[in-house]
Amino acid sequence: MSQQPQPYKVRSIHIVAKGTDVLVREYTLDPGEQIPWHHHTSVVDHYYGLEGTVVIETRKPAGRHEIGAGQAASVTPPTAHHLSNPTSMQCRFLLIQGVGPYDFVKEA
């Protein structure tokens, strides 16, 4: 699974595991940081909360999920989604992506 440079900036992104069609990363978002609206053509995003709260918003279907420590959510392709940390504390989560080639298609 090739990885493109990220078109956004957050506190940190650490690769936990990387295979040809699976990618696992640990994200840390400071208060107010966000990952812009985007979608993937083939990979499913599986989120697992480690610390704090991350908000995942989706379009078509419209939805909002607050993921805390020990909670999980998934976003299937090609659902547009956006992540944010609207709290006053850092949040950390694992993002498991697969199976297939990784891409990040930015949305308006």
PDB file of N, CA and C in Angstrom:
ATOM      1  N   MET A   1       0.855  -1.168   0.000  1.00  0.00           N
ATOM      2  CA  MET A   1       0.000   0.000   0.000  1.00  0.00           C
ATOM      3  C   MET A   1       0.897   1.226   0.000  1.00  0.00           C
ATOM      4  N   SER A   2       0.889   1.986  -1.081  1.00  0.00           N
ATOM      5  CA  SER A   2       1.711   3.191  -1.129  1.00  0.00           C
ATOM      6  C   SER A   2       1.043   4.282  -0.309  1.00  0.00           C
ATOM      7  N   GLN A   3       1.868   5.169   0.224  1.00  0.00           N
ATOM      8  CA  GLN A   3       1.332   6.245   1.036  1.00  0.00           C
ATOM      9  C   GLN A   3       1.725   7.577   0.426  1.00  0.00           C
ATOM     10  N   GLN A   4       0.728   8.403   0.157  1.00  0.00           N
ATOM     11  CA  GLN A   4       0.967   9.729  -0.379  1.00  0.00           C
ATOM     12  C   GLN A   4       1.247  10.682   0.778  1.00  0.00           C
ATOM     13  N   PRO A   5       1.946  11.798   0.519  1.00  0.00           N
ATOM     14  CA  PRO A   5       2.096  12.812   1.563  1.00  0.00           C
ATOM     15  C   PRO A   5       0.716  13.327   1.974  1.00  0.00           C
ATOM     16  N   GLN A   6       0.537  13.609   3.256  1.00  0.00           N
ATOM     17  CA  GLN A   6      -0.763  14.062   3.744  1.00  0.00           C
ATOM     18  C   GLN A   6      -0.997  15.522   3.369  1.00  0.00           C
ATOM     19  N   PRO A   7      -2.177  15.844   2.819  1.00  0.00           N
ATOM     20  CA  PRO A   7      -2.495  17.222   2.440  1.00  0.00           C
ATOM     21  C   PRO A   7      -3.065  18.033   3.611  1.00  0.00           C
ATOM     22  N   TYR A   8      -2.643  17.721   4.825  1.00  0.00           N
ATOM     23  CA  TYR A   8      -3.098  18.424   6.024  1.00  0.00           C
ATOM     24  C   TYR A   8      -2.029  18.253   7.097  1.00  0.00           C
ATOM     25  N   LYS A   9      -2.147  19.043   8.167  1.00  0.00           N
ATOM     26  CA  LYS A   9      -1.176  18.971   9.258  1.00  0.00           C
ATOM     27  C   LYS A   9      -1.912  18.747  10.569  1.00  0.00           C
ATOM     28  N   VAL A  10      -1.460  17.744  11.310  1.00  0.00           N
ATOM     29  CA  VAL A  10      -1.968  17.479  12.654  1.00  0.00           C
ATOM     30  C   VAL A  10      -0.768  17.277  13.572  1.00  0.00           C
ATOM     31  N   ARG A  11      -1.007  17.179  14.870  1.00  0.00           N
ATOM     32  CA  ARG A  11       0.067  17.069  15.858  1.00  0.00           C
ATOM     33  C   ARG A  11       1.062  15.964  15.504  1.00  0.00           C
ATOM     34  N   SER A  12       0.563  14.740  15.260  1.00  0.00           N
ATOM     35  CA  SER A  12       1.473  13.658  14.878  1.00  0.00           C
ATOM     36  C   SER A  12       0.726  12.516  14.209  1.00  0.00           C
ATOM     37  N   ILE A  13       1.477  11.818  13.344  1.00  0.00           N
ATOM     38  CA  ILE A  13       0.997  10.605  12.689  1.00  0.00           C
ATOM     39  C   ILE A  13       2.150   9.617  12.728  1.00  0.00           C
ATOM     40  N   HIS A  14       1.949   8.477  13.399  1.00  0.00           N
ATOM     41  CA  HIS A  14       2.980   7.447  13.496  1.00  0.00           C
ATOM     42  C   HIS A  14       2.496   6.176  12.818  1.00  0.00           C
ATOM     43  N   ILE A  15       3.311   5.639  11.929  1.00  0.00           N
ATOM     44  CA  ILE A  15       2.969   4.370  11.286  1.00  0.00           C
ATOM     45  C   ILE A  15       3.207   3.244  12.281  1.00  0.00           C
ATOM     46  N   VAL A  16       2.171   2.454  12.546  1.00  0.00           N
ATOM     47  CA  VAL A  16       2.243   1.308  13.453  1.00  0.00           C
ATOM     48  C   VAL A  16       2.569   0.051  12.659  1.00  0.00           C
ATOM     49  N   ALA A  17       1.923  -0.117  11.511  1.00  0.00           N
ATOM     50  CA  ALA A  17       2.158  -1.281  10.644  1.00  0.00           C
ATOM     51  C   ALA A  17       1.816  -0.885   9.214  1.00  0.00           C
ATOM     52  N   LYS A  18       2.587  -1.449   8.273  1.00  0.00           N
ATOM     53  CA  LYS A  18       2.353  -1.133   6.868  1.00  0.00           C
ATOM     54  C   LYS A  18       2.597  -2.380   6.040  1.00  0.00           C
ATOM     55  N   GLY A  19       1.608  -2.751   5.233  1.00  0.00           N
ATOM     56  CA  GLY A  19       1.728  -3.877   4.314  1.00  0.00           C
ATOM     57  C   GLY A  19       1.416  -3.415   2.908  1.00  0.00           C
ATOM     58  N   THR A  20       1.291  -4.354   2.005  1.00  0.00           N
ATOM     59  CA  THR A  20       1.012  -3.981   0.619  1.00  0.00           C
ATOM     60  C   THR A  20      -0.400  -3.439   0.432  1.00  0.00           C
ATOM     61  N   ASP A  21      -1.347  -3.854   1.279  1.00  0.00           N
ATOM     62  CA  ASP A  21      -2.710  -3.361   1.135  1.00  0.00           C
ATOM     63  C   ASP A  21      -3.393  -3.035   2.460  1.00  0.00           C
ATOM     64  N   VAL A  22      -2.598  -2.882   3.530  1.00  0.00           N
ATOM     65  CA  VAL A  22      -3.123  -2.498   4.845  1.00  0.00           C
ATOM     66  C   VAL A  22      -2.168  -1.483   5.462  1.00  0.00           C
ATOM     67  N   LEU A  23      -2.730  -0.459   6.105  1.00  0.00           N
ATOM     68  CA  LEU A  23      -1.935   0.576   6.753  1.00  0.00           C
ATOM     69  C   LEU A  23      -2.557   0.888   8.106  1.00  0.00           C
ATOM     70  N   VAL A  24      -1.735   0.887   9.172  1.00  0.00           N
ATOM     71  CA  VAL A  24      -2.201   1.206  10.520  1.00  0.00           C
ATOM     72  C   VAL A  24      -1.374   2.378  11.029  1.00  0.00           C
ATOM     73  N   ARG A  25      -2.063   3.454  11.426  1.00  0.00           N
ATOM     74  CA  ARG A  25      -1.374   4.639  11.935  1.00  0.00           C
ATOM     75  C   ARG A  25      -2.028   5.122  13.222  1.00  0.00           C
ATOM     76  N   GLU A  26      -1.207   5.709  14.097  1.00  0.00           N
ATOM     77  CA  GLU A  26      -1.706   6.355  15.310  1.00  0.00           C
ATOM     78  C   GLU A  26      -1.666   7.861  15.082  1.00  0.00           C
ATOM     79  N   TYR A  27      -2.809   8.504  15.244  1.00  0.00           N
ATOM     80  CA  TYR A  27      -2.938   9.951  15.066  1.00  0.00           C
ATOM     81  C   TYR A  27      -3.078  10.636  16.417  1.00  0.00           C
ATOM     82  N   THR A  28      -2.492  11.817  16.540  1.00  0.00           N
ATOM     83  CA  THR A  28      -2.730  12.707  17.669  1.00  0.00           C
ATOM     84  C   THR A  28      -3.176  14.045  17.095  1.00  0.00           C
ATOM     85  N   LEU A  29      -4.332  14.522  17.542  1.00  0.00           N
ATOM     86  CA  LEU A  29      -4.856  15.820  17.114  1.00  0.00           C
ATOM     87  C   LEU A  29      -4.925  16.741  18.318  1.00  0.00           C
ATOM     88  N   ASP A  30      -4.374  17.936  18.174  1.00  0.00           N
ATOM     89  CA  ASP A  30      -4.498  18.961  19.203  1.00  0.00           C
ATOM     90  C   ASP A  30      -5.904  19.550  19.148  1.00  0.00           C
ATOM     91  N   PRO A  31      -6.318  20.273  20.194  1.00  0.00           N
ATOM     92  CA  PRO A  31      -7.628  20.920  20.165  1.00  0.00           C
ATOM     93  C   PRO A  31      -7.783  21.798  18.918  1.00  0.00           C
ATOM     94  N   GLY A  32      -8.906  21.656  18.243  1.00  0.00           N
ATOM     95  CA  GLY A  32      -9.200  22.452  17.060  1.00  0.00           C
ATOM     96  C   GLY A  32      -8.641  21.910  15.756  1.00  0.00           C
ATOM     97  N   GLU A  33      -7.740  20.932  15.811  1.00  0.00           N
ATOM     98  CA  GLU A  33      -7.189  20.386  14.569  1.00  0.00           C
ATOM     99  C   GLU A  33      -8.220  19.506  13.870  1.00  0.00           C
ATOM    100  N   GLN A  34      -8.058  19.396  12.553  1.00  0.00           N
ATOM    101  CA  GLN A  34      -8.995  18.582  11.785  1.00  0.00           C
ATOM    102  C   GLN A  34      -8.342  18.001  10.544  1.00  0.00           C
ATOM    103  N   ILE A  35      -8.957  16.961  10.046  1.00  0.00           N
ATOM    104  CA  ILE A  35      -8.586  16.335   8.777  1.00  0.00           C
ATOM    105  C   ILE A  35      -9.705  16.707   7.809  1.00  0.00           C
ATOM    106  N   PRO A  36      -9.368  17.348   6.674  1.00  0.00           N
ATOM    107  CA  PRO A  36     -10.408  17.894   5.792  1.00  0.00           C
ATOM    108  C   PRO A  36     -11.283  16.818   5.143  1.00  0.00           C
ATOM    109  N   TRP A  37     -12.400  17.279   4.574  1.00  0.00           N
ATOM    110  CA  TRP A  37     -13.317  16.389   3.868  1.00  0.00           C
ATOM    111  C   TRP A  37     -12.575  15.668   2.757  1.00  0.00           C
ATOM    112  N   HIS A  38     -12.774  14.350   2.704  1.00  0.00           N
ATOM    113  CA  HIS A  38     -12.126  13.524   1.691  1.00  0.00           C
ATOM    114  C   HIS A  38     -12.855  12.189   1.597  1.00  0.00           C
ATOM    115  N   HIS A  39     -12.465  11.388   0.625  1.00  0.00           N
ATOM    116  CA  HIS A  39     -12.958  10.013   0.546  1.00  0.00           C
ATOM    117  C   HIS A  39     -11.841   9.134  -0.002  1.00  0.00           C
ATOM    118  N   HIS A  40     -12.065   7.831   0.056  1.00  0.00           N
ATOM    119  CA  HIS A  40     -11.125   6.848  -0.492  1.00  0.00           C
ATOM    120  C   HIS A  40     -11.882   6.020  -1.525  1.00  0.00           C
ATOM    121  N   THR A  41     -11.185   5.606  -2.583  1.00  0.00           N
ATOM    122  CA  THR A  41     -11.873   4.844  -3.627  1.00  0.00           C
ATOM    123  C   THR A  41     -12.019   3.368  -3.288  1.00  0.00           C
ATOM    124  N   SER A  42     -11.108   2.813  -2.460  1.00  0.00           N
ATOM    125  CA  SER A  42     -11.235   1.378  -2.186  1.00  0.00           C
ATOM    126  C   SER A  42     -10.990   0.962  -0.742  1.00  0.00           C
ATOM    127  N   VAL A  43     -10.289   1.746   0.060  1.00  0.00           N
ATOM    128  CA  VAL A  43     -10.006   1.299   1.431  1.00  0.00           C
ATOM    129  C   VAL A  43     -11.115   1.699   2.396  1.00  0.00           C
ATOM    130  N   VAL A  44     -11.348   0.831   3.380  1.00  0.00           N
ATOM    131  CA  VAL A  44     -12.260   1.126   4.483  1.00  0.00           C
ATOM    132  C   VAL A  44     -11.422   1.722   5.604  1.00  0.00           C
ATOM    133  N   ASP A  45     -11.913   2.790   6.229  1.00  0.00           N
ATOM    134  CA  ASP A  45     -11.261   3.381   7.399  1.00  0.00           C
ATOM    135  C   ASP A  45     -11.911   2.804   8.651  1.00  0.00           C
ATOM    136  N   HIS A  46     -11.096   2.188   9.501  1.00  0.00           N
ATOM    137  CA  HIS A  46     -11.557   1.684  10.796  1.00  0.00           C
ATOM    138  C   HIS A  46     -10.873   2.532  11.862  1.00  0.00           C
ATOM    139  N   TYR A  47     -11.654   3.224  12.682  1.00  0.00           N
ATOM    140  CA  TYR A  47     -11.125   4.106  13.723  1.00  0.00           C
ATOM    141  C   TYR A  47     -11.311   3.454  15.085  1.00  0.00           C
ATOM    142  N   TYR A  48     -10.278   3.579  15.940  1.00  0.00           N
ATOM    143  CA  TYR A  48     -10.360   3.062  17.303  1.00  0.00           C
ATOM    144  C   TYR A  48      -9.812   4.132  18.237  1.00  0.00           C
ATOM    145  N   GLY A  49     -10.653   4.624  19.136  1.00  0.00           N
ATOM    146  CA  GLY A  49     -10.266   5.691  20.052  1.00  0.00           C
ATOM    147  C   GLY A  49      -9.304   5.221  21.131  1.00  0.00           C
ATOM    148  N   LEU A  50      -8.270   6.029  21.382  1.00  0.00           N
ATOM    149  CA  LEU A  50      -7.279   5.730  22.419  1.00  0.00           C
ATOM    150  C   LEU A  50      -7.347   6.710  23.587  1.00  0.00           C
ATOM    151  N   GLU A  51      -7.598   7.993  23.280  1.00  0.00           N
ATOM    152  CA  GLU A  51      -7.600   9.029  24.318  1.00  0.00           C
ATOM    153  C   GLU A  51      -8.387  10.229  23.805  1.00  0.00           C
ATOM    154  N   GLY A  52      -9.136  10.875  24.688  1.00  0.00           N
ATOM    155  CA  GLY A  52      -9.906  12.041  24.275  1.00  0.00           C
ATOM    156  C   GLY A  52     -11.051  11.661  23.351  1.00  0.00           C
ATOM    157  N   THR A  53     -11.524  12.634  22.577  1.00  0.00           N
ATOM    158  CA  THR A  53     -12.665  12.419  21.685  1.00  0.00           C
ATOM    159  C   THR A  53     -12.362  12.966  20.296  1.00  0.00           C
ATOM    160  N   VAL A  54     -12.584  12.147  19.283  1.00  0.00           N
ATOM    161  CA  VAL A  54     -12.493  12.598  17.891  1.00  0.00           C
ATOM    162  C   VAL A  54     -13.898  12.515  17.293  1.00  0.00           C
ATOM    163  N   VAL A  55     -14.251  13.518  16.499  1.00  0.00           N
ATOM    164  CA  VAL A  55     -15.559  13.544  15.850  1.00  0.00           C
ATOM    165  C   VAL A  55     -15.374  13.207  14.374  1.00  0.00           C
ATOM    166  N   ILE A  56     -16.149  12.237  13.901  1.00  0.00           N
ATOM    167  CA  ILE A  56     -16.135  11.827  12.496  1.00  0.00           C
ATOM    168  C   ILE A  56     -17.487  12.207  11.902  1.00  0.00           C
ATOM    169  N   GLU A  57     -17.457  13.058  10.881  1.00  0.00           N
ATOM    170  CA  GLU A  57     -18.682  13.437  10.182  1.00  0.00           C
ATOM    171  C   GLU A  57     -18.651  12.822   8.791  1.00  0.00           C
ATOM    172  N   THR A  58     -19.815  12.381   8.310  1.00  0.00           N
ATOM    173  CA  THR A  58     -19.908  11.771   6.979  1.00  0.00           C
ATOM    174  C   THR A  58     -20.988  12.467   6.158  1.00  0.00           C
ATOM    175  N   ARG A  59     -20.855  12.320   4.836  1.00  0.00           N
ATOM    176  CA  ARG A  59     -21.871  12.790   3.885  1.00  0.00           C
ATOM    177  C   ARG A  59     -22.387  11.571   3.129  1.00  0.00           C
ATOM    178  N   LYS A  60     -23.644  11.576   2.805  1.00  0.00           N
ATOM    179  CA  LYS A  60     -24.258  10.530   1.967  1.00  0.00           C
ATOM    180  C   LYS A  60     -23.848   9.121   2.370  1.00  0.00           C
ATOM    181  N   PRO A  61     -24.236   8.612   3.492  1.00  0.00           N
ATOM    182  CA  PRO A  61     -25.243   9.165   4.383  1.00  0.00           C
ATOM    183  C   PRO A  61     -24.638  10.175   5.360  1.00  0.00           C
ATOM    184  N   ALA A  62     -25.436  11.184   5.679  1.00  0.00           N
ATOM    185  CA  ALA A  62     -25.004  12.188   6.645  1.00  0.00           C
ATOM    186  C   ALA A  62     -24.977  11.558   8.029  1.00  0.00           C
ATOM    187  N   GLY A  63     -23.904  11.802   8.752  1.00  0.00           N
ATOM    188  CA  GLY A  63     -23.793  11.244  10.087  1.00  0.00           C
ATOM    189  C   GLY A  63     -22.729  11.947  10.900  1.00  0.00           C
ATOM    190  N   ARG A  64     -22.783  11.726  12.195  1.00  0.00           N
ATOM    191  CA  ARG A  64     -21.801  12.292  13.122  1.00  0.00           C
ATOM    192  C   ARG A  64     -21.551  11.252  14.201  1.00  0.00           C
ATOM    193  N   HIS A  65     -20.287  10.913  14.410  1.00  0.00           N
ATOM    194  CA  HIS A  65     -19.908   9.913  15.405  1.00  0.00           C
ATOM    195  C   HIS A  65     -18.830  10.500  16.301  1.00  0.00           C
ATOM    196  N   GLU A  66     -19.041  10.436  17.610  1.00  0.00           N
ATOM    197  CA  GLU A  66     -18.019  10.851  18.567  1.00  0.00           C
ATOM    198  C   GLU A  66     -17.363   9.587  19.089  1.00  0.00           C
ATOM    199  N   ILE A  67     -16.052   9.466  18.879  1.00  0.00           N
ATOM    200  CA  ILE A  67     -15.320   8.267  19.261  1.00  0.00           C
ATOM    201  C   ILE A  67     -14.416   8.598  20.442  1.00  0.00           C
ATOM    202  N   GLY A  68     -14.648   7.938  21.560  1.00  0.00           N
ATOM    203  CA  GLY A  68     -13.813   8.096  22.741  1.00  0.00           C
ATOM    204  C   GLY A  68     -12.925   6.879  22.925  1.00  0.00           C
ATOM    205  N   ALA A  69     -12.149   6.882  23.987  1.00  0.00           N
ATOM    206  CA  ALA A  69     -11.246   5.766  24.273  1.00  0.00           C
ATOM    207  C   ALA A  69     -12.034   4.463  24.356  1.00  0.00           C
ATOM    208  N   GLY A  70     -11.567   3.452  23.626  1.00  0.00           N
ATOM    209  CA  GLY A  70     -12.203   2.142  23.630  1.00  0.00           C
ATOM    210  C   GLY A  70     -13.378   2.009  22.678  1.00  0.00           C
ATOM    211  N   GLN A  71     -13.718   3.069  21.949  1.00  0.00           N
ATOM    212  CA  GLN A  71     -14.832   3.018  21.008  1.00  0.00           C
ATOM    213  C   GLN A  71     -14.309   2.938  19.580  1.00  0.00           C
ATOM    214  N   ALA A  72     -15.158   2.459  18.677  1.00  0.00           N
ATOM    215  CA  ALA A  72     -14.736   2.265  17.287  1.00  0.00           C
ATOM    216  C   ALA A  72     -15.832   2.695  16.325  1.00  0.00           C
ATOM    217  N   ALA A  73     -15.402   3.016  15.104  1.00  0.00           N
ATOM    218  CA  ALA A  73     -16.322   3.340  14.011  1.00  0.00           C
ATOM    219  C   ALA A  73     -15.604   3.051  12.703  1.00  0.00           C
ATOM    220  N   SER A  74     -16.370   2.844  11.644  1.00  0.00           N
ATOM    221  CA  SER A  74     -15.801   2.587  10.320  1.00  0.00           C
ATOM    222  C   SER A  74     -16.480   3.471   9.284  1.00  0.00           C
ATOM    223  N   VAL A  75     -15.715   3.810   8.233  1.00  0.00           N
ATOM    224  CA  VAL A  75     -16.242   4.571   7.103  1.00  0.00           C
ATOM    225  C   VAL A  75     -15.867   3.807   5.842  1.00  0.00           C
ATOM    226  N   THR A  76     -16.883   3.444   5.049  1.00  0.00           N
ATOM    227  CA  THR A  76     -16.647   2.666   3.829  1.00  0.00           C
ATOM    228  C   THR A  76     -16.527   3.585   2.611  1.00  0.00           C
ATOM    229  N   PRO A  77     -15.790   3.130   1.589  1.00  0.00           N
ATOM    230  CA  PRO A  77     -15.661   3.944   0.386  1.00  0.00           C
ATOM    231  C   PRO A  77     -16.958   3.904  -0.423  1.00  0.00           C
ATOM    232  N   PRO A  78     -17.252   4.931  -1.139  1.00  0.00           N
ATOM    233  CA  PRO A  78     -16.538   6.200  -1.277  1.00  0.00           C
ATOM    234  C   PRO A  78     -17.141   7.303  -0.414  1.00  0.00           C
ATOM    235  N   THR A  79     -17.571   6.982   0.801  1.00  0.00           N
ATOM    236  CA  THR A  79     -18.222   7.963   1.674  1.00  0.00           C
ATOM    237  C   THR A  79     -17.274   9.105   2.033  1.00  0.00           C
ATOM    238  N   ALA A  80     -17.700  10.331   1.761  1.00  0.00           N
ATOM    239  CA  ALA A  80     -16.913  11.506   2.152  1.00  0.00           C
ATOM    240  C   ALA A  80     -16.976  11.657   3.668  1.00  0.00           C
ATOM    241  N   HIS A  81     -15.832  11.969   4.273  1.00  0.00           N
ATOM    242  CA  HIS A  81     -15.777  12.133   5.720  1.00  0.00           C
ATOM    243  C   HIS A  81     -14.746  13.176   6.119  1.00  0.00           C
ATOM    244  N   HIS A  82     -14.891  13.631   7.363  1.00  0.00           N
ATOM    245  CA  HIS A  82     -14.102  14.726   7.926  1.00  0.00           C
ATOM    246  C   HIS A  82     -13.908  14.388   9.396  1.00  0.00           C
ATOM    247  N   LEU A  83     -12.717  14.617   9.932  1.00  0.00           N
ATOM    248  CA  LEU A  83     -12.447  14.351  11.342  1.00  0.00           C
ATOM    249  C   LEU A  83     -12.022  15.634  12.024  1.00  0.00           C
ATOM    250  N   SER A  84     -12.391  15.770  13.299  1.00  0.00           N
ATOM    251  CA  SER A  84     -11.997  16.962  14.044  1.00  0.00           C
ATOM    252  C   SER A  84     -11.890  16.654  15.529  1.00  0.00           C
ATOM    253  N   ASN A  85     -11.140  17.511  16.204  1.00  0.00           N
ATOM    254  CA  ASN A  85     -11.048  17.474  17.654  1.00  0.00           C
ATOM    255  C   ASN A  85     -11.620  18.794  18.164  1.00  0.00           C
ATOM    256  N   PRO A  86     -12.919  18.818  18.504  1.00  0.00           N
ATOM    257  CA  PRO A  86     -13.547  20.057  18.954  1.00  0.00           C
ATOM    258  C   PRO A  86     -13.384  20.315  20.453  1.00  0.00           C
ATOM    259  N   THR A  87     -12.627  19.468  21.138  1.00  0.00           N
ATOM    260  CA  THR A  87     -12.491  19.585  22.588  1.00  0.00           C
ATOM    261  C   THR A  87     -11.281  20.440  22.966  1.00  0.00           C
ATOM    262  N   SER A  88     -11.076  20.618  24.261  1.00  0.00           N
ATOM    263  CA  SER A  88      -9.943  21.403  24.767  1.00  0.00           C
ATOM    264  C   SER A  88      -8.749  20.523  25.125  1.00  0.00           C
ATOM    265  N   MET A  89      -8.822  19.228  24.817  1.00  0.00           N
ATOM    266  CA  MET A  89      -7.734  18.295  25.116  1.00  0.00           C
ATOM    267  C   MET A  89      -7.316  17.563  23.839  1.00  0.00           C
ATOM    268  N   GLN A  90      -6.080  17.067  23.825  1.00  0.00           N
ATOM    269  CA  GLN A  90      -5.623  16.253  22.691  1.00  0.00           C
ATOM    270  C   GLN A  90      -6.484  15.004  22.568  1.00  0.00           C
ATOM    271  N   CYS A  91      -6.556  14.468  21.352  1.00  0.00           N
ATOM    272  CA  CYS A  91      -7.176  13.159  21.167  1.00  0.00           C
ATOM    273  C   CYS A  91      -6.209  12.282  20.383  1.00  0.00           C
ATOM    274  N   ARG A  92      -6.290  10.976  20.643  1.00  0.00           N
ATOM    275  CA  ARG A  92      -5.464   9.998  19.930  1.00  0.00           C
ATOM    276  C   ARG A  92      -6.366   8.870  19.473  1.00  0.00           C
ATOM    277  N   PHE A  93      -6.078   8.366  18.264  1.00  0.00           N
ATOM    278  CA  PHE A  93      -6.845   7.233  17.752  1.00  0.00           C
ATOM    279  C   PHE A  93      -5.999   6.445  16.779  1.00  0.00           C
ATOM    280  N   LEU A  94      -6.354   5.171  16.624  1.00  0.00           N
ATOM    281  CA  LEU A  94      -5.747   4.335  15.592  1.00  0.00           C
ATOM    282  C   LEU A  94      -6.628   4.398  14.361  1.00  0.00           C
ATOM    283  N   LEU A  95      -5.973   4.426  13.202  1.00  0.00           N
ATOM    284  CA  LEU A  95      -6.679   4.342  11.928  1.00  0.00           C
ATOM    285  C   LEU A  95      -6.134   3.132  11.193  1.00  0.00           C
ATOM    286  N   ILE A  96      -7.000   2.139  10.985  1.00  0.00           N
ATOM    287  CA  ILE A  96      -6.639   0.923  10.254  1.00  0.00           C
ATOM    288  C   ILE A  96      -7.305   1.034   8.887  1.00  0.00           C
ATOM    289  N   GLN A  97      -6.506   1.015   7.816  1.00  0.00           N
ATOM    290  CA  GLN A  97      -7.029   1.180   6.460  1.00  0.00           C
ATOM    291  C   GLN A  97      -6.700  -0.031   5.603  1.00  0.00           C
ATOM    292  N   GLY A  98      -7.686  -0.507   4.875  1.00  0.00           N
ATOM    293  CA  GLY A  98      -7.477  -1.625   3.962  1.00  0.00           C
ATOM    294  C   GLY A  98      -8.829  -2.162   3.556  1.00  0.00           C
ATOM    295  N   VAL A  99      -8.891  -3.085   2.775  1.00  0.00           N
ATOM    296  CA  VAL A  99      -7.808  -3.734   2.052  1.00  0.00           C
ATOM    297  C   VAL A  99      -7.821  -3.150   0.649  1.00  0.00           C
ATOM    298  N   GLY A 100      -6.648  -2.737   0.157  1.00  0.00           N
ATOM    299  CA  GLY A 100      -6.540  -2.183  -1.181  1.00  0.00           C
ATOM    300  C   GLY A 100      -5.588  -1.018  -1.229  1.00  0.00           C
ATOM    301  N   PRO A 101      -5.462  -0.400  -2.402  1.00  0.00           N
ATOM    302  CA  PRO A 101      -4.541   0.728  -2.552  1.00  0.00           C
ATOM    303  C   PRO A 101      -5.068   1.971  -1.839  1.00  0.00           C
ATOM    304  N   TYR A 102      -4.177   2.656  -1.136  1.00  0.00           N
ATOM    305  CA  TYR A 102      -4.530   3.861  -0.392  1.00  0.00           C
ATOM    306  C   TYR A 102      -4.593   5.065  -1.327  1.00  0.00           C
ATOM    307  N   ASP A 103      -5.591   5.911  -1.115  1.00  0.00           N
ATOM    308  CA  ASP A 103      -5.631   7.218  -1.753  1.00  0.00           C
ATOM    309  C   ASP A 103      -6.371   8.174  -0.828  1.00  0.00           C
ATOM    310  N   PHE A 104      -6.222   9.463  -1.083  1.00  0.00           N
ATOM    311  CA  PHE A 104      -6.868  10.521  -0.307  1.00  0.00           C
ATOM    312  C   PHE A 104      -7.414  11.500  -1.329  1.00  0.00           C
ATOM    313  N   VAL A 105      -8.726  11.427  -1.568  1.00  0.00           N
ATOM    314  CA  VAL A 105      -9.361  12.274  -2.574  1.00  0.00           C
ATOM    315  C   VAL A 105     -10.058  13.415  -1.842  1.00  0.00           C
ATOM    316  N   LYS A 106      -9.481  14.611  -1.942  1.00  0.00           N
ATOM    317  CA  LYS A 106     -10.006  15.769  -1.233  1.00  0.00           C
ATOM    318  C   LYS A 106     -11.358  16.180  -1.803  1.00  0.00           C
ATOM    319  N   GLU A 107     -12.262  16.579  -0.905  1.00  0.00           N
ATOM    320  CA  GLU A 107     -13.601  17.030  -1.281  1.00  0.00           C
ATOM    321  C   GLU A 107     -13.765  18.487  -0.870  1.00  0.00           C
ATOM    322  N   ALA A 108     -14.690  19.165  -1.508  1.00  0.00           N
ATOM    323  CA  ALA A 108     -14.964  20.572  -1.174  1.00  0.00           C
ATOM    324  C   ALA A 108     -15.792  20.663   0.087  1.00  0.00           C
TER     325      ALA A 108
END
